[in-house]
Amino acid sequence: MNRRNLLFRGALAALAFAVPMTPAVGQQQPDLSRKAVVDDPVAPKRAGTAYDVTVVEFFDYNCPYCRRMEPVLNALLRSDPKVRIVYRDWPIFGPASREASRAAVASQWQGRHAAFHGALLASPARLDSAGIRAAAVKAKVDWPRLQRDLKTRGAEIDALLARTNAIAEAIGFNGTPALIVGSQVVAGAVDLPALRRLVATARSKPGGR
């Protein structure tokens, strides 16, 4: 995704959380309710105990702009304990991205998602299987357990990725990163001041969580 940050308000925001869309012939309509987008039980999350605003990030581990977005999100979390981040893995950069996403999602069941997620996005080169393994070592991921979780929970993970893809396409995202902040839909990376403004706007409206 290039640096143009396209903010879709009003109709698109309502569309993302309330209004059913007409699916293509033979295509099942994804669940675009706020609960489905924001509270998917399998999507990894980071939150304080009393969050009042949720930021949903659609990202790919091999996206250079997603790598630039990571320190911005981390800075927001450090400065605002009432923000929750929901990570929607959207691996659109190929098989290695999908491999990284599946491994990252699986790592949450051993409590290592935050560390592994950060290590994957800090990789010095485009990720491949060796790079994913190196990031796991850096994040102190129990690799044998990760493989077991990938095997036993693989169907859950694949279903999550399919749901995320369907939601992203239905909203109209065409690249990563993409964000939903409250009811505001943003395509492209934003800097910290802009993200804080989006959070403040979400916080000022009912249902910002």
N, C-alpha and C. Protein backbone atom coordinates (compact mmCIF):
# COMPACT_ATOMS: atom_id res chain seq x y z
N MET A 1 0.85 -1.20 0.00
CA MET A 1 0.00 0.00 0.00
C MET A 1 0.88 1.24 0.00
N ASN A 2 0.54 2.23 -0.85
CA ASN A 2 1.33 3.45 -0.87
C ASN A 2 0.95 4.35 0.31
N ARG A 3 1.58 5.51 0.39
CA ARG A 3 1.41 6.37 1.56
C ARG A 3 0.11 7.16 1.55
N ARG A 4 -0.67 7.07 0.50
CA ARG A 4 -1.94 7.79 0.51
C ARG A 4 -2.85 7.15 1.55
N ASN A 5 -3.29 7.93 2.49
CA ASN A 5 -4.16 7.43 3.55
C ASN A 5 -5.60 7.86 3.25
N LEU A 6 -6.39 6.90 2.81
CA LEU A 6 -7.73 7.21 2.35
C LEU A 6 -8.71 6.90 3.47
N LEU A 7 -9.40 7.92 3.96
CA LEU A 7 -10.33 7.77 5.08
C LEU A 7 -11.75 7.72 4.55
N PHE A 8 -12.41 6.57 4.74
CA PHE A 8 -13.78 6.41 4.28
C PHE A 8 -14.70 6.53 5.49
N ARG A 9 -15.48 7.58 5.54
CA ARG A 9 -16.39 7.80 6.67
C ARG A 9 -17.83 7.57 6.24
N GLY A 10 -18.73 7.78 7.17
CA GLY A 10 -20.16 7.77 6.85
C GLY A 10 -20.65 6.46 6.31
N ALA A 11 -20.99 6.45 5.01
CA ALA A 11 -21.64 5.30 4.41
C ALA A 11 -20.79 4.05 4.50
N LEU A 12 -19.48 4.16 4.24
CA LEU A 12 -18.63 2.98 4.28
C LEU A 12 -18.50 2.45 5.69
N ALA A 13 -18.38 3.34 6.67
CA ALA A 13 -18.30 2.89 8.05
C ALA A 13 -19.57 2.16 8.45
N ALA A 14 -20.72 2.70 8.06
CA ALA A 14 -21.97 2.03 8.37
C ALA A 14 -22.04 0.69 7.66
N LEU A 15 -21.59 0.67 6.42
CA LEU A 15 -21.58 -0.55 5.65
C LEU A 15 -20.77 -1.63 6.32
N ALA A 16 -19.64 -1.25 6.90
CA ALA A 16 -18.75 -2.23 7.51
C ALA A 16 -19.35 -2.89 8.73
N PHE A 17 -20.29 -2.22 9.39
CA PHE A 17 -20.78 -2.77 10.64
C PHE A 17 -22.28 -3.00 10.71
N ALA A 18 -23.01 -2.63 9.66
CA ALA A 18 -24.45 -2.77 9.83
C ALA A 18 -25.19 -3.23 8.58
N VAL A 19 -24.87 -2.67 7.44
CA VAL A 19 -25.74 -2.85 6.28
C VAL A 19 -25.32 -4.07 5.48
N PRO A 20 -26.22 -5.04 5.28
CA PRO A 20 -25.87 -6.21 4.47
C PRO A 20 -25.55 -5.80 3.05
N MET A 21 -24.61 -6.50 2.44
CA MET A 21 -24.25 -6.25 1.06
C MET A 21 -24.73 -7.42 0.21
N THR A 22 -24.90 -7.18 -1.07
CA THR A 22 -25.34 -8.24 -1.97
C THR A 22 -24.14 -9.01 -2.46
N PRO A 23 -24.02 -10.31 -2.10
CA PRO A 23 -22.86 -11.08 -2.52
C PRO A 23 -22.92 -11.42 -3.99
N ALA A 24 -21.75 -11.71 -4.56
CA ALA A 24 -21.71 -12.19 -5.93
C ALA A 24 -22.39 -13.54 -6.01
N VAL A 25 -22.82 -13.92 -7.22
CA VAL A 25 -23.50 -15.19 -7.41
C VAL A 25 -22.60 -16.33 -6.94
N GLY A 26 -23.14 -17.17 -6.09
CA GLY A 26 -22.38 -18.31 -5.59
C GLY A 26 -21.44 -17.98 -4.45
N GLN A 27 -21.41 -16.73 -4.02
CA GLN A 27 -20.50 -16.32 -2.95
C GLN A 27 -21.30 -16.04 -1.69
N GLN A 28 -20.87 -16.58 -0.56
CA GLN A 28 -21.57 -16.38 0.70
C GLN A 28 -21.23 -15.01 1.27
N GLN A 29 -22.26 -14.32 1.73
CA GLN A 29 -22.05 -13.00 2.32
C GLN A 29 -21.30 -13.13 3.65
N PRO A 30 -20.17 -12.43 3.82
CA PRO A 30 -19.47 -12.49 5.11
C PRO A 30 -20.26 -11.75 6.18
N ASP A 31 -20.01 -12.13 7.41
CA ASP A 31 -20.63 -11.46 8.55
C ASP A 31 -19.88 -10.16 8.79
N LEU A 32 -20.55 -9.03 8.55
CA LEU A 32 -19.93 -7.73 8.72
C LEU A 32 -20.44 -7.01 9.96
N SER A 33 -21.04 -7.78 10.88
CA SER A 33 -21.46 -7.16 12.13
C SER A 33 -20.23 -6.68 12.89
N ARG A 34 -20.42 -5.70 13.74
CA ARG A 34 -19.29 -5.20 14.53
C ARG A 34 -18.68 -6.31 15.37
N LYS A 35 -19.52 -7.18 15.93
CA LYS A 35 -19.02 -8.26 16.76
C LYS A 35 -18.10 -9.18 15.95
N ALA A 36 -18.50 -9.51 14.72
CA ALA A 36 -17.69 -10.40 13.90
C ALA A 36 -16.36 -9.77 13.52
N VAL A 37 -16.35 -8.48 13.23
CA VAL A 37 -15.14 -7.81 12.80
C VAL A 37 -14.20 -7.53 13.97
N VAL A 38 -14.77 -7.12 15.10
CA VAL A 38 -13.97 -6.63 16.22
C VAL A 38 -13.69 -7.70 17.26
N ASP A 39 -14.59 -8.64 17.43
CA ASP A 39 -14.49 -9.60 18.54
C ASP A 39 -14.36 -11.04 18.08
N ASP A 40 -13.78 -11.27 16.92
CA ASP A 40 -13.58 -12.64 16.47
C ASP A 40 -12.80 -13.40 17.55
N PRO A 41 -13.30 -14.55 18.01
CA PRO A 41 -12.66 -15.22 19.14
C PRO A 41 -11.27 -15.77 18.85
N VAL A 42 -10.92 -15.95 17.58
CA VAL A 42 -9.61 -16.53 17.24
C VAL A 42 -8.58 -15.46 16.91
N ALA A 43 -9.02 -14.27 16.53
CA ALA A 43 -8.08 -13.20 16.17
C ALA A 43 -7.30 -12.76 17.41
N PRO A 44 -5.98 -12.71 17.34
CA PRO A 44 -5.18 -12.24 18.48
C PRO A 44 -5.49 -10.79 18.84
N LYS A 45 -5.34 -10.48 20.13
CA LYS A 45 -5.67 -9.14 20.62
C LYS A 45 -4.67 -8.71 21.68
N ARG A 46 -4.51 -7.39 21.81
CA ARG A 46 -3.77 -6.80 22.92
C ARG A 46 -4.63 -5.71 23.52
N ALA A 47 -4.84 -5.77 24.83
CA ALA A 47 -5.73 -4.78 25.46
C ALA A 47 -5.44 -4.67 26.93
N GLY A 48 -5.72 -3.47 27.45
CA GLY A 48 -5.74 -3.28 28.89
C GLY A 48 -7.04 -3.83 29.46
N THR A 49 -7.20 -3.71 30.74
CA THR A 49 -8.38 -4.28 31.37
C THR A 49 -9.61 -3.40 31.21
N ALA A 50 -9.44 -2.15 30.84
CA ALA A 50 -10.57 -1.22 30.76
C ALA A 50 -10.52 -0.44 29.45
N TYR A 51 -10.34 -1.10 28.32
CA TYR A 51 -10.26 -0.40 27.05
C TYR A 51 -11.62 0.19 26.68
N ASP A 52 -11.58 1.30 25.95
CA ASP A 52 -12.82 1.91 25.48
C ASP A 52 -12.80 2.19 23.98
N VAL A 53 -11.69 1.92 23.31
CA VAL A 53 -11.60 2.06 21.86
C VAL A 53 -10.83 0.86 21.30
N THR A 54 -11.33 0.33 20.21
CA THR A 54 -10.67 -0.79 19.54
C THR A 54 -10.13 -0.34 18.19
N VAL A 55 -8.88 -0.70 17.92
CA VAL A 55 -8.25 -0.51 16.62
C VAL A 55 -8.07 -1.89 16.00
N VAL A 56 -8.67 -2.11 14.86
CA VAL A 56 -8.51 -3.38 14.14
C VAL A 56 -7.53 -3.14 13.01
N GLU A 57 -6.47 -3.96 12.97
CA GLU A 57 -5.48 -3.82 11.90
C GLU A 57 -5.53 -5.03 10.97
N PHE A 58 -5.68 -4.77 9.68
CA PHE A 58 -5.55 -5.78 8.64
C PHE A 58 -4.13 -5.63 8.08
N PHE A 59 -3.34 -6.69 8.13
CA PHE A 59 -1.92 -6.54 7.81
C PHE A 59 -1.36 -7.81 7.20
N ASP A 60 -0.17 -7.67 6.64
CA ASP A 60 0.61 -8.79 6.09
C ASP A 60 2.04 -8.64 6.60
N TYR A 61 2.62 -9.75 7.05
CA TYR A 61 3.97 -9.67 7.63
C TYR A 61 5.04 -9.28 6.63
N ASN A 62 4.78 -9.43 5.35
CA ASN A 62 5.77 -9.04 4.35
C ASN A 62 5.46 -7.68 3.72
N CYS A 63 4.51 -6.96 4.29
CA CYS A 63 4.17 -5.63 3.79
C CYS A 63 5.09 -4.60 4.43
N PRO A 64 5.86 -3.84 3.65
CA PRO A 64 6.77 -2.86 4.25
C PRO A 64 6.05 -1.76 5.01
N TYR A 65 4.87 -1.38 4.58
CA TYR A 65 4.14 -0.33 5.29
C TYR A 65 3.54 -0.86 6.59
N CYS A 66 3.23 -2.15 6.64
CA CYS A 66 2.79 -2.75 7.91
C CYS A 66 3.94 -2.73 8.91
N ARG A 67 5.14 -2.93 8.43
CA ARG A 67 6.31 -2.87 9.32
C ARG A 67 6.49 -1.46 9.87
N ARG A 68 6.19 -0.46 9.07
CA ARG A 68 6.28 0.92 9.56
C ARG A 68 5.13 1.24 10.52
N MET A 69 4.02 0.56 10.33
CA MET A 69 2.85 0.81 11.18
C MET A 69 3.03 0.21 12.57
N GLU A 70 3.81 -0.85 12.70
CA GLU A 70 3.95 -1.54 13.98
C GLU A 70 4.46 -0.63 15.11
N PRO A 71 5.53 0.13 14.94
CA PRO A 71 5.96 1.01 16.04
C PRO A 71 4.93 2.10 16.37
N VAL A 72 4.14 2.50 15.39
CA VAL A 72 3.09 3.48 15.66
C VAL A 72 2.03 2.88 16.58
N LEU A 73 1.61 1.66 16.28
CA LEU A 73 0.62 0.99 17.13
C LEU A 73 1.19 0.73 18.52
N ASN A 74 2.45 0.34 18.59
CA ASN A 74 3.07 0.10 19.89
C ASN A 74 3.15 1.38 20.72
N ALA A 75 3.48 2.48 20.05
CA ALA A 75 3.55 3.76 20.76
C ALA A 75 2.17 4.16 21.26
N LEU A 76 1.14 3.91 20.47
CA LEU A 76 -0.22 4.20 20.92
C LEU A 76 -0.57 3.39 22.16
N LEU A 77 -0.25 2.10 22.14
CA LEU A 77 -0.54 1.24 23.29
C LEU A 77 0.20 1.70 24.54
N ARG A 78 1.45 2.13 24.37
CA ARG A 78 2.22 2.60 25.53
C ARG A 78 1.63 3.87 26.12
N SER A 79 1.11 4.73 25.27
CA SER A 79 0.64 6.04 25.73
C SER A 79 -0.83 6.05 26.11
N ASP A 80 -1.56 5.03 25.69
CA ASP A 80 -3.01 5.03 25.92
C ASP A 80 -3.44 3.63 26.34
N PRO A 81 -3.51 3.34 27.64
CA PRO A 81 -3.86 2.01 28.12
C PRO A 81 -5.31 1.64 27.89
N LYS A 82 -6.11 2.57 27.38
CA LYS A 82 -7.52 2.28 27.15
C LYS A 82 -7.82 1.95 25.69
N VAL A 83 -6.77 1.57 24.96
CA VAL A 83 -6.92 1.14 23.57
C VAL A 83 -6.70 -0.36 23.47
N ARG A 84 -7.50 -1.01 22.66
CA ARG A 84 -7.30 -2.43 22.34
C ARG A 84 -6.94 -2.55 20.87
N ILE A 85 -5.98 -3.43 20.56
CA ILE A 85 -5.63 -3.74 19.18
C ILE A 85 -6.13 -5.15 18.86
N VAL A 86 -6.82 -5.28 17.74
CA VAL A 86 -7.23 -6.59 17.23
C VAL A 86 -6.46 -6.83 15.94
N TYR A 87 -5.73 -7.94 15.88
CA TYR A 87 -4.89 -8.23 14.73
C TYR A 87 -5.62 -9.16 13.77
N ARG A 88 -5.93 -8.65 12.58
CA ARG A 88 -6.57 -9.45 11.54
C ARG A 88 -5.52 -9.75 10.47
N ASP A 89 -4.93 -10.92 10.57
CA ASP A 89 -3.93 -11.33 9.57
C ASP A 89 -4.59 -11.46 8.21
N TRP A 90 -4.03 -10.74 7.24
CA TRP A 90 -4.53 -10.77 5.86
C TRP A 90 -3.35 -11.02 4.94
N PRO A 91 -2.91 -12.27 4.82
CA PRO A 91 -1.67 -12.58 4.09
C PRO A 91 -1.88 -12.57 2.58
N ILE A 92 -1.67 -11.41 1.97
CA ILE A 92 -1.92 -11.23 0.54
C ILE A 92 -0.62 -11.19 -0.27
N PHE A 93 0.53 -11.35 0.41
CA PHE A 93 1.81 -11.27 -0.28
C PHE A 93 2.37 -12.65 -0.63
N GLY A 94 1.55 -13.69 -0.57
CA GLY A 94 2.03 -14.98 -1.01
C GLY A 94 2.13 -16.03 0.08
N PRO A 95 2.61 -17.24 -0.29
CA PRO A 95 2.64 -18.36 0.64
C PRO A 95 3.45 -18.11 1.91
N ALA A 96 4.56 -17.41 1.83
CA ALA A 96 5.36 -17.16 3.03
C ALA A 96 4.60 -16.28 4.02
N SER A 97 3.85 -15.33 3.50
CA SER A 97 3.03 -14.49 4.38
C SER A 97 1.98 -15.33 5.08
N ARG A 98 1.37 -16.26 4.35
CA ARG A 98 0.37 -17.12 4.96
C ARG A 98 1.01 -18.02 6.02
N GLU A 99 2.19 -18.54 5.74
CA GLU A 99 2.90 -19.37 6.71
C GLU A 99 3.18 -18.57 7.99
N ALA A 100 3.62 -17.33 7.82
CA ALA A 100 3.90 -16.48 8.97
C ALA A 100 2.63 -16.19 9.77
N SER A 101 1.55 -15.89 9.07
CA SER A 101 0.29 -15.59 9.75
C SER A 101 -0.21 -16.80 10.54
N ARG A 102 -0.16 -17.97 9.94
CA ARG A 102 -0.64 -19.17 10.62
C ARG A 102 0.19 -19.43 11.88
N ALA A 103 1.51 -19.26 11.77
CA ALA A 103 2.38 -19.48 12.92
C ALA A 103 2.11 -18.44 14.01
N ALA A 104 1.94 -17.18 13.60
CA ALA A 104 1.71 -16.12 14.59
C ALA A 104 0.40 -16.34 15.33
N VAL A 105 -0.65 -16.66 14.61
CA VAL A 105 -1.93 -16.91 15.27
C VAL A 105 -1.81 -18.07 16.24
N ALA A 106 -1.13 -19.14 15.82
CA ALA A 106 -0.96 -20.32 16.69
C ALA A 106 -0.17 -20.00 17.94
N SER A 107 0.72 -19.03 17.88
CA SER A 107 1.57 -18.72 19.03
C SER A 107 0.78 -18.13 20.19
N GLN A 108 -0.43 -17.63 19.93
CA GLN A 108 -1.21 -17.04 21.02
C GLN A 108 -1.58 -18.08 22.08
N TRP A 109 -1.65 -19.35 21.69
CA TRP A 109 -2.04 -20.38 22.64
C TRP A 109 -0.91 -20.79 23.57
N GLN A 110 0.26 -20.24 23.37
CA GLN A 110 1.33 -20.39 24.36
C GLN A 110 1.73 -19.02 24.90
N GLY A 111 0.90 -18.01 24.67
CA GLY A 111 1.13 -16.69 25.25
C GLY A 111 2.29 -15.92 24.65
N ARG A 112 2.67 -16.22 23.39
CA ARG A 112 3.83 -15.57 22.79
C ARG A 112 3.48 -14.72 21.56
N HIS A 113 2.20 -14.42 21.36
CA HIS A 113 1.84 -13.72 20.13
C HIS A 113 2.48 -12.35 20.04
N ALA A 114 2.41 -11.55 21.09
CA ALA A 114 2.94 -10.18 21.01
C ALA A 114 4.41 -10.18 20.65
N ALA A 115 5.17 -11.05 21.29
CA ALA A 115 6.61 -11.12 21.02
C ALA A 115 6.88 -11.63 19.61
N PHE A 116 6.17 -12.66 19.20
CA PHE A 116 6.40 -13.26 17.88
C PHE A 116 5.95 -12.31 16.78
N HIS A 117 4.80 -11.67 16.97
CA HIS A 117 4.30 -10.69 16.02
C HIS A 117 5.34 -9.59 15.80
N GLY A 118 5.89 -9.07 16.89
CA GLY A 118 6.90 -8.02 16.78
C GLY A 118 8.16 -8.50 16.09
N ALA A 119 8.58 -9.72 16.41
CA ALA A 119 9.79 -10.26 15.79
C ALA A 119 9.61 -10.49 14.30
N LEU A 120 8.44 -10.95 13.89
CA LEU A 120 8.17 -11.15 12.47
C LEU A 120 8.21 -9.83 11.71
N LEU A 121 7.61 -8.80 12.28
CA LEU A 121 7.59 -7.50 11.60
C LEU A 121 8.94 -6.80 11.64
N ALA A 122 9.81 -7.22 12.55
CA ALA A 122 11.15 -6.63 12.63
C ALA A 122 12.17 -7.40 11.81
N SER A 123 11.73 -8.42 11.10
CA SER A 123 12.66 -9.21 10.28
C SER A 123 13.40 -8.31 9.29
N PRO A 124 14.71 -8.48 9.14
CA PRO A 124 15.48 -7.58 8.27
C PRO A 124 15.28 -7.83 6.78
N ALA A 125 14.61 -8.93 6.43
CA ALA A 125 14.42 -9.26 5.02
C ALA A 125 13.02 -9.82 4.83
N ARG A 126 12.64 -9.99 3.59
CA ARG A 126 11.35 -10.61 3.29
C ARG A 126 11.32 -11.99 3.93
N LEU A 127 10.23 -12.31 4.58
CA LEU A 127 10.15 -13.55 5.32
C LEU A 127 10.06 -14.76 4.41
N ASP A 128 10.74 -15.83 4.85
CA ASP A 128 10.56 -17.16 4.29
C ASP A 128 10.51 -18.11 5.48
N SER A 129 10.52 -19.41 5.23
CA SER A 129 10.40 -20.35 6.34
C SER A 129 11.53 -20.19 7.35
N ALA A 130 12.75 -19.96 6.86
CA ALA A 130 13.89 -19.78 7.76
C ALA A 130 13.73 -18.50 8.58
N GLY A 131 13.26 -17.45 7.97
CA GLY A 131 13.05 -16.19 8.69
C GLY A 131 11.97 -16.31 9.75
N ILE A 132 10.93 -17.06 9.44
CA ILE A 132 9.86 -17.29 10.42
C ILE A 132 10.41 -18.05 11.62
N ARG A 133 11.22 -19.06 11.34
CA ARG A 133 11.81 -19.84 12.44
C ARG A 133 12.76 -18.96 13.27
N ALA A 134 13.53 -18.12 12.61
CA ALA A 134 14.44 -17.22 13.33
C ALA A 134 13.66 -16.25 14.22
N ALA A 135 12.54 -15.73 13.72
CA ALA A 135 11.71 -14.83 14.53
C ALA A 135 11.13 -15.57 15.72
N ALA A 136 10.76 -16.82 15.53
CA ALA A 136 10.23 -17.63 16.64
C ALA A 136 11.28 -17.82 17.73
N VAL A 137 12.51 -18.06 17.32
CA VAL A 137 13.60 -18.21 18.30
C VAL A 137 13.78 -16.90 19.06
N LYS A 138 13.80 -15.79 18.34
CA LYS A 138 13.97 -14.48 18.96
C LYS A 138 12.86 -14.20 19.96
N ALA A 139 11.64 -14.64 19.65
CA ALA A 139 10.49 -14.38 20.51
C ALA A 139 10.29 -15.45 21.58
N LYS A 140 11.24 -16.41 21.66
CA LYS A 140 11.16 -17.48 22.65
C LYS A 140 9.88 -18.31 22.51
N VAL A 141 9.52 -18.57 21.27
CA VAL A 141 8.37 -19.44 20.99
C VAL A 141 8.81 -20.89 21.13
N ASP A 142 8.00 -21.68 21.79
CA ASP A 142 8.23 -23.12 21.91
C ASP A 142 7.87 -23.74 20.57
N TRP A 143 8.88 -24.03 19.76
CA TRP A 143 8.64 -24.47 18.39
C TRP A 143 7.90 -25.81 18.31
N PRO A 144 8.28 -26.83 19.07
CA PRO A 144 7.50 -28.09 19.02
C PRO A 144 6.04 -27.88 19.40
N ARG A 145 5.78 -27.06 20.40
CA ARG A 145 4.38 -26.80 20.76
C ARG A 145 3.67 -26.05 19.65
N LEU A 146 4.37 -25.10 19.02
CA LEU A 146 3.77 -24.37 17.91
C LEU A 146 3.33 -25.32 16.82
N GLN A 147 4.18 -26.30 16.50
CA GLN A 147 3.82 -27.26 15.46
C GLN A 147 2.60 -28.08 15.88
N ARG A 148 2.52 -28.43 17.15
CA ARG A 148 1.34 -29.18 17.62
C ARG A 148 0.09 -28.33 17.51
N ASP A 149 0.21 -27.05 17.90
CA ASP A 149 -0.96 -26.17 17.82
C ASP A 149 -1.37 -25.92 16.37
N LEU A 150 -0.40 -25.81 15.49
CA LEU A 150 -0.72 -25.64 14.07
C LEU A 150 -1.48 -26.85 13.54
N LYS A 151 -1.15 -28.02 14.06
CA LYS A 151 -1.81 -29.24 13.60
C LYS A 151 -3.20 -29.37 14.20
N THR A 152 -3.31 -29.16 15.52
CA THR A 152 -4.60 -29.38 16.17
C THR A 152 -5.58 -28.23 15.95
N ARG A 153 -5.07 -27.03 15.74
CA ARG A 153 -5.94 -25.86 15.57
C ARG A 153 -5.87 -25.29 14.15
N GLY A 154 -5.30 -26.06 13.24
CA GLY A 154 -5.13 -25.57 11.88
C GLY A 154 -6.43 -25.15 11.22
N ALA A 155 -7.49 -25.93 11.45
CA ALA A 155 -8.77 -25.60 10.83
C ALA A 155 -9.31 -24.27 11.38
N GLU A 156 -9.13 -24.02 12.68
CA GLU A 156 -9.56 -22.76 13.28
C GLU A 156 -8.80 -21.58 12.66
N ILE A 157 -7.49 -21.78 12.51
CA ILE A 157 -6.66 -20.70 11.96
C ILE A 157 -7.03 -20.41 10.53
N ASP A 158 -7.20 -21.46 9.73
CA ASP A 158 -7.55 -21.27 8.32
C ASP A 158 -8.91 -20.61 8.18
N ALA A 159 -9.84 -20.97 9.07
CA ALA A 159 -11.16 -20.35 9.03
C ALA A 159 -11.08 -18.86 9.37
N LEU A 160 -10.23 -18.53 10.36
CA LEU A 160 -10.02 -17.12 10.70
C LEU A 160 -9.48 -16.34 9.51
N LEU A 161 -8.47 -16.87 8.84
CA LEU A 161 -7.89 -16.17 7.70
C LEU A 161 -8.92 -15.99 6.59
N ALA A 162 -9.77 -17.00 6.40
CA ALA A 162 -10.82 -16.89 5.38
C ALA A 162 -11.83 -15.81 5.76
N ARG A 163 -12.19 -15.75 7.04
CA ARG A 163 -13.13 -14.71 7.48
C ARG A 163 -12.53 -13.33 7.28
N THR A 164 -11.27 -13.18 7.64
CA THR A 164 -10.62 -11.87 7.51
C THR A 164 -10.55 -11.45 6.05
N ASN A 165 -10.20 -12.37 5.17
CA ASN A 165 -10.14 -12.06 3.75
C ASN A 165 -11.50 -11.62 3.22
N ALA A 166 -12.55 -12.33 3.62
CA ALA A 166 -13.89 -11.99 3.15
C ALA A 166 -14.31 -10.61 3.65
N ILE A 167 -14.00 -10.30 4.90
CA ILE A 167 -14.35 -9.00 5.46
C ILE A 167 -13.60 -7.88 4.75
N ALA A 168 -12.28 -8.08 4.57
CA ALA A 168 -11.47 -7.05 3.92
C ALA A 168 -11.97 -6.77 2.50
N GLU A 169 -12.29 -7.82 1.77
CA GLU A 169 -12.77 -7.64 0.40
C GLU A 169 -14.14 -6.98 0.38
N ALA A 170 -15.01 -7.35 1.34
CA ALA A 170 -16.34 -6.76 1.37
C ALA A 170 -16.29 -5.28 1.71
N ILE A 171 -15.39 -4.89 2.61
CA ILE A 171 -15.25 -3.47 2.94
C ILE A 171 -14.68 -2.69 1.76
N GLY A 172 -13.83 -3.36 0.97
CA GLY A 172 -13.25 -2.70 -0.19
C GLY A 172 -11.78 -2.38 -0.05
N PHE A 173 -11.11 -2.96 0.95
CA PHE A 173 -9.67 -2.76 1.08
C PHE A 173 -8.97 -3.40 -0.12
N ASN A 174 -7.94 -2.74 -0.62
CA ASN A 174 -7.18 -3.30 -1.74
C ASN A 174 -5.70 -3.44 -1.42
N GLY A 175 -5.34 -3.34 -0.16
CA GLY A 175 -3.96 -3.51 0.24
C GLY A 175 -3.81 -3.36 1.73
N THR A 176 -2.61 -3.56 2.20
CA THR A 176 -2.30 -3.45 3.63
C THR A 176 -1.29 -2.33 3.85
N PRO A 177 -1.29 -1.75 5.07
CA PRO A 177 -2.21 -1.99 6.17
C PRO A 177 -3.54 -1.30 5.95
N ALA A 178 -4.54 -1.75 6.68
CA ALA A 178 -5.84 -1.10 6.71
C ALA A 178 -6.32 -1.16 8.15
N LEU A 179 -7.04 -0.13 8.57
CA LEU A 179 -7.44 -0.01 9.96
C LEU A 179 -8.92 0.27 10.07
N ILE A 180 -9.51 -0.20 11.17
CA ILE A 180 -10.82 0.26 11.61
C ILE A 180 -10.62 0.78 13.02
N VAL A 181 -10.95 2.04 13.23
CA VAL A 181 -10.80 2.68 14.55
C VAL A 181 -12.17 3.14 14.99
N GLY A 182 -12.76 2.43 15.93
CA GLY A 182 -14.16 2.69 16.23
C GLY A 182 -14.98 2.35 15.01
N SER A 183 -15.64 3.34 14.43
CA SER A 183 -16.40 3.12 13.19
C SER A 183 -15.74 3.79 11.99
N GLN A 184 -14.48 4.20 12.14
CA GLN A 184 -13.75 4.87 11.07
C GLN A 184 -12.89 3.85 10.32
N VAL A 185 -13.01 3.87 9.02
CA VAL A 185 -12.31 2.90 8.18
C VAL A 185 -11.21 3.63 7.42
N VAL A 186 -9.98 3.13 7.56
CA VAL A 186 -8.81 3.80 6.99
C VAL A 186 -8.02 2.80 6.15
N ALA A 187 -7.73 3.16 4.92
CA ALA A 187 -6.88 2.35 4.04
C ALA A 187 -5.52 3.01 3.95
N GLY A 188 -4.50 2.32 4.43
CA GLY A 188 -3.15 2.86 4.38
C GLY A 188 -2.60 3.16 5.76
N ALA A 189 -1.30 3.33 5.83
CA ALA A 189 -0.63 3.60 7.10
C ALA A 189 -0.90 5.05 7.52
N VAL A 190 -0.90 5.27 8.83
CA VAL A 190 -1.04 6.61 9.39
C VAL A 190 0.06 6.82 10.42
N ASP A 191 0.39 8.08 10.70
CA ASP A 191 1.38 8.35 11.73
C ASP A 191 0.71 8.43 13.09
N LEU A 192 1.50 8.56 14.15
CA LEU A 192 0.96 8.53 15.50
C LEU A 192 -0.01 9.67 15.77
N PRO A 193 0.29 10.91 15.40
CA PRO A 193 -0.69 11.97 15.65
C PRO A 193 -2.04 11.70 14.98
N ALA A 194 -2.00 11.21 13.74
CA ALA A 194 -3.25 10.91 13.04
C ALA A 194 -4.00 9.78 13.73
N LEU A 195 -3.26 8.77 14.18
CA LEU A 195 -3.91 7.65 14.86
C LEU A 195 -4.54 8.10 16.17
N ARG A 196 -3.84 8.97 16.88
CA ARG A 196 -4.42 9.49 18.13
C ARG A 196 -5.68 10.30 17.87
N ARG A 197 -5.71 11.04 16.77
CA ARG A 197 -6.93 11.78 16.43
C ARG A 197 -8.08 10.84 16.12
N LEU A 198 -7.78 9.76 15.41
CA LEU A 198 -8.82 8.78 15.12
C LEU A 198 -9.36 8.14 16.39
N VAL A 199 -8.46 7.84 17.33
CA VAL A 199 -8.88 7.27 18.61
C VAL A 199 -9.73 8.26 19.38
N ALA A 200 -9.32 9.52 19.39
CA ALA A 200 -10.10 10.54 20.10
C ALA A 200 -11.49 10.69 19.51
N THR A 201 -11.58 10.64 18.20
CA THR A 201 -12.89 10.72 17.55
C THR A 201 -13.75 9.53 17.93
N ALA A 202 -13.16 8.34 17.90
CA ALA A 202 -13.90 7.13 18.28
C ALA A 202 -14.36 7.20 19.73
N ARG A 203 -13.51 7.72 20.57
CA ARG A 203 -13.83 7.80 22.01
C ARG A 203 -14.97 8.79 22.27
N SER A 204 -15.11 9.76 21.41
CA SER A 204 -16.14 10.78 21.61
C SER A 204 -17.52 10.32 21.18
N LYS A 205 -17.58 9.16 20.53
CA LYS A 205 -18.87 8.67 20.01
C LYS A 205 -19.31 7.44 20.80
N PRO A 206 -20.61 7.24 20.93
CA PRO A 206 -21.11 6.03 21.60
C PRO A 206 -20.66 4.78 20.85
N GLY A 207 -20.34 3.73 21.60
CA GLY A 207 -19.98 2.47 20.96
C GLY A 207 -18.58 2.44 20.41
N GLY A 208 -17.68 3.27 20.89
CA GLY A 208 -16.31 3.30 20.38
C GLY A 208 -15.56 2.02 20.60
N ARG A 209 -15.95 1.23 21.58
CA ARG A 209 -15.27 -0.02 21.85
C ARG A 209 -15.28 -0.93 20.65
